[in-house]
Protein backbone atom coordinates (compact mmCIF):
# COMPACT_ATOMS: atom_id res chain seq x y z
CA UNK A 1 22.23 -3.63 -10.85
CA UNK A 2 18.24 -3.27 -12.08
CA UNK A 3 16.97 -0.58 -10.14
CA UNK A 4 13.05 -0.23 -10.88
CA UNK A 5 10.49 1.70 -9.84
CA UNK A 6 9.73 -0.64 -6.58
CA UNK A 7 12.93 0.15 -5.27
CA UNK A 8 12.21 4.32 -5.99
CA UNK A 9 8.89 3.77 -3.92
CA UNK A 10 10.59 1.98 -1.19
CA UNK A 11 13.80 4.27 -1.12
CA UNK A 12 10.82 6.98 -0.81
CA UNK A 13 9.32 4.55 2.17
CA UNK A 14 12.09 4.60 3.41
CA UNK A 15 12.54 8.88 4.12
CA UNK A 16 9.08 8.69 5.31
CA UNK A 17 10.04 6.24 7.75
CA UNK A 18 13.23 8.15 8.84
CA UNK A 19 11.16 11.36 8.91
CA UNK A 20 8.47 9.45 11.08
CA UNK A 21 11.32 8.21 13.51
CA UNK A 22 12.76 11.93 13.94
CA UNK A 23 9.70 13.07 14.70
CA UNK A 24 8.82 10.78 17.19
CA UNK A 25 12.24 11.20 19.25
CA UNK A 26 12.83 14.30 19.40
CA UNK A 27 9.89 14.12 22.11
CA UNK A 28 11.83 11.96 24.42
CA UNK A 29 13.71 14.33 26.34
CA UNK A 30 17.24 15.09 27.34
CA UNK A 31 18.07 12.27 29.81
CA UNK A 32 20.79 12.19 32.78
CA UNK A 33 22.38 15.13 31.31
CA UNK A 34 25.55 16.55 29.32
CA UNK A 35 28.27 14.07 30.39
CA UNK A 36 26.08 11.07 28.61
CA UNK A 37 24.07 10.32 25.10
CA UNK A 38 20.45 11.39 25.19
CA UNK A 39 18.12 8.79 25.37
CA UNK A 40 17.18 10.13 21.60
CA UNK A 41 21.00 9.30 20.31
CA UNK A 42 20.49 6.17 18.77
CA UNK A 43 16.95 6.46 17.06
CA UNK A 44 18.43 9.90 15.44
CA UNK A 45 21.16 7.70 14.37
CA UNK A 46 19.30 5.12 13.15
CA UNK A 47 17.07 7.65 11.47
CA UNK A 48 19.49 9.60 9.70
CA UNK A 49 20.82 5.65 8.36
CA UNK A 50 17.52 5.09 7.21
CA UNK A 51 17.23 8.40 5.44
CA UNK A 52 20.27 8.19 3.80
CA UNK A 53 19.71 4.88 2.42
CA UNK A 54 16.00 5.97 1.24
CA UNK A 55 17.69 9.15 -0.74
CA UNK A 56 20.27 7.00 -2.44
CA UNK A 57 17.58 4.58 -3.26
CA UNK A 58 15.15 6.96 -4.49
CA UNK A 59 17.79 8.94 -6.49
CA UNK A 60 19.09 5.87 -8.32
CA UNK A 61 15.63 4.73 -8.96
CA UNK A 62 14.11 7.55 -10.08
CA UNK A 63 18.05 8.24 -12.89
CA UNK A 64 17.32 4.63 -13.97
CA UNK A 65 14.24 3.59 -14.33
CA UNK A 66 12.47 6.66 -16.68
CA UNK A 67 9.18 7.87 -16.27
CA UNK A 68 7.83 6.91 -12.91
CA UNK A 69 3.98 5.63 -13.52
CA UNK A 70 0.82 7.03 -12.19
CA UNK A 71 0.35 5.91 -8.57
CA UNK A 72 -2.94 6.72 -8.63
CA UNK A 73 -6.24 5.70 -10.94
CA UNK A 74 -7.83 8.19 -12.49
CA UNK A 75 -11.06 6.34 -11.90
CA UNK A 76 -10.11 5.77 -7.98
CA UNK A 77 -8.94 9.33 -7.76
CA UNK A 78 -11.96 10.58 -8.98
CA UNK A 79 -14.27 8.49 -6.28
CA UNK A 80 -11.81 9.54 -3.48
CA UNK A 81 -12.59 12.99 -4.56
CA UNK A 82 -16.30 12.63 -3.54
CA UNK A 83 -15.74 9.99 -0.78
CA UNK A 84 -13.59 11.76 1.14
CA UNK A 85 -15.32 15.13 1.55
CA UNK A 86 -18.69 12.53 2.14
CA UNK A 87 -16.67 11.01 5.08
CA UNK A 88 -15.35 14.04 6.01
CA UNK A 89 -18.24 16.27 6.69
CA UNK A 90 -20.89 13.51 7.27
CA UNK A 91 -22.63 15.39 9.65
CA UNK A 92 -23.44 18.25 7.69
CA UNK A 93 -24.58 16.70 4.53
CA UNK A 94 -27.97 14.92 4.32
CA UNK A 95 -27.15 11.44 3.73
CA UNK A 96 -29.03 10.80 1.04
CA UNK A 97 -27.65 13.57 -1.12
CA UNK A 98 -24.18 12.03 -0.42
CA UNK A 99 -25.19 8.25 -1.20
CA UNK A 100 -26.53 9.38 -4.18
CA UNK A 101 -23.47 11.75 -5.43
CA UNK A 102 -20.92 9.07 -4.30
CA UNK A 103 -22.35 6.49 -6.27
CA UNK A 104 -22.91 8.34 -9.37
CA UNK A 105 -19.75 9.53 -9.54
CA UNK A 106 -18.54 5.68 -9.48
CA UNK A 107 -20.82 5.13 -12.11
CA UNK A 108 -19.45 7.43 -14.25
CA UNK A 109 -15.61 7.21 -13.64
CA UNK A 110 -15.97 3.33 -13.66
CA UNK A 111 -17.61 3.83 -17.46
CA UNK A 112 -21.38 3.25 -17.02
CA UNK A 113 -23.02 5.51 -19.63
CA UNK A 114 -26.73 4.48 -19.69
CA UNK A 115 -28.79 7.45 -18.77
CA UNK A 116 -31.60 5.04 -17.15
CA UNK A 117 -29.09 3.41 -14.91
CA UNK A 118 -27.28 6.32 -13.79
CA UNK A 119 -30.81 7.94 -13.11
CA UNK A 120 -32.60 5.20 -11.28
CA UNK A 121 -29.51 3.34 -9.76
CA UNK A 122 -27.98 5.76 -7.18
CA UNK A 123 -31.76 7.07 -6.65
CA UNK A 124 -32.85 3.18 -5.22
CA UNK A 125 -29.14 2.53 -3.59
CA UNK A 126 -29.44 5.57 -1.45
CA UNK A 127 -32.39 4.87 -0.33
CA UNK A 128 -32.21 1.30 0.03
CA UNK A 129 -29.47 2.02 2.27
CA UNK A 130 -31.22 5.18 3.98
CA UNK A 131 -34.50 2.77 5.00
CA UNK A 132 -32.08 -0.32 5.99
CA UNK A 133 -30.29 1.83 8.45
CA UNK A 134 -32.61 4.46 9.64
CA UNK A 135 -35.82 2.37 10.02
CA UNK A 136 -33.82 -1.34 10.10
CA UNK A 137 -30.88 -0.78 12.37
CA UNK A 138 -32.88 2.50 14.26
CA UNK A 139 -29.63 5.33 13.46
CA UNK A 140 -30.20 8.44 13.53
CA UNK A 141 -28.44 10.12 10.29
CA UNK A 142 -28.20 13.28 9.33
CA UNK A 143 -30.72 14.57 7.16
CA UNK A 144 -31.47 18.06 5.95
CA UNK A 145 -35.31 17.37 5.62
């Protein structure tokens, strides 16, 4: 049997699904009483089966497939490292500064090295987006000044 990294990822997804089923079924309550099976019995049995299959797939895939490939490209990781805090703290960060920083990091992450482009493009894009949303759509955007 040819086990590949896709099988390893599928196994991890099955384990995550089993954990989600367990977490959701624990809140179902006890049901009619101790004489019968509780309402969460069948989902828990299914979760055990899913988890067991997921663990077997994951372990066999890791053992036979060799080194696990990178899950995230470094460039995309750099952009996400700036974009997620910008979106998380959107109300506290000046939107013009945030857009400028996200644009600058994106350009640098994807290999743009021309100084004039790195200087002007983030400024122009953040100014154009701010003007379009603040005055074109009459949106109130968070600003420091």
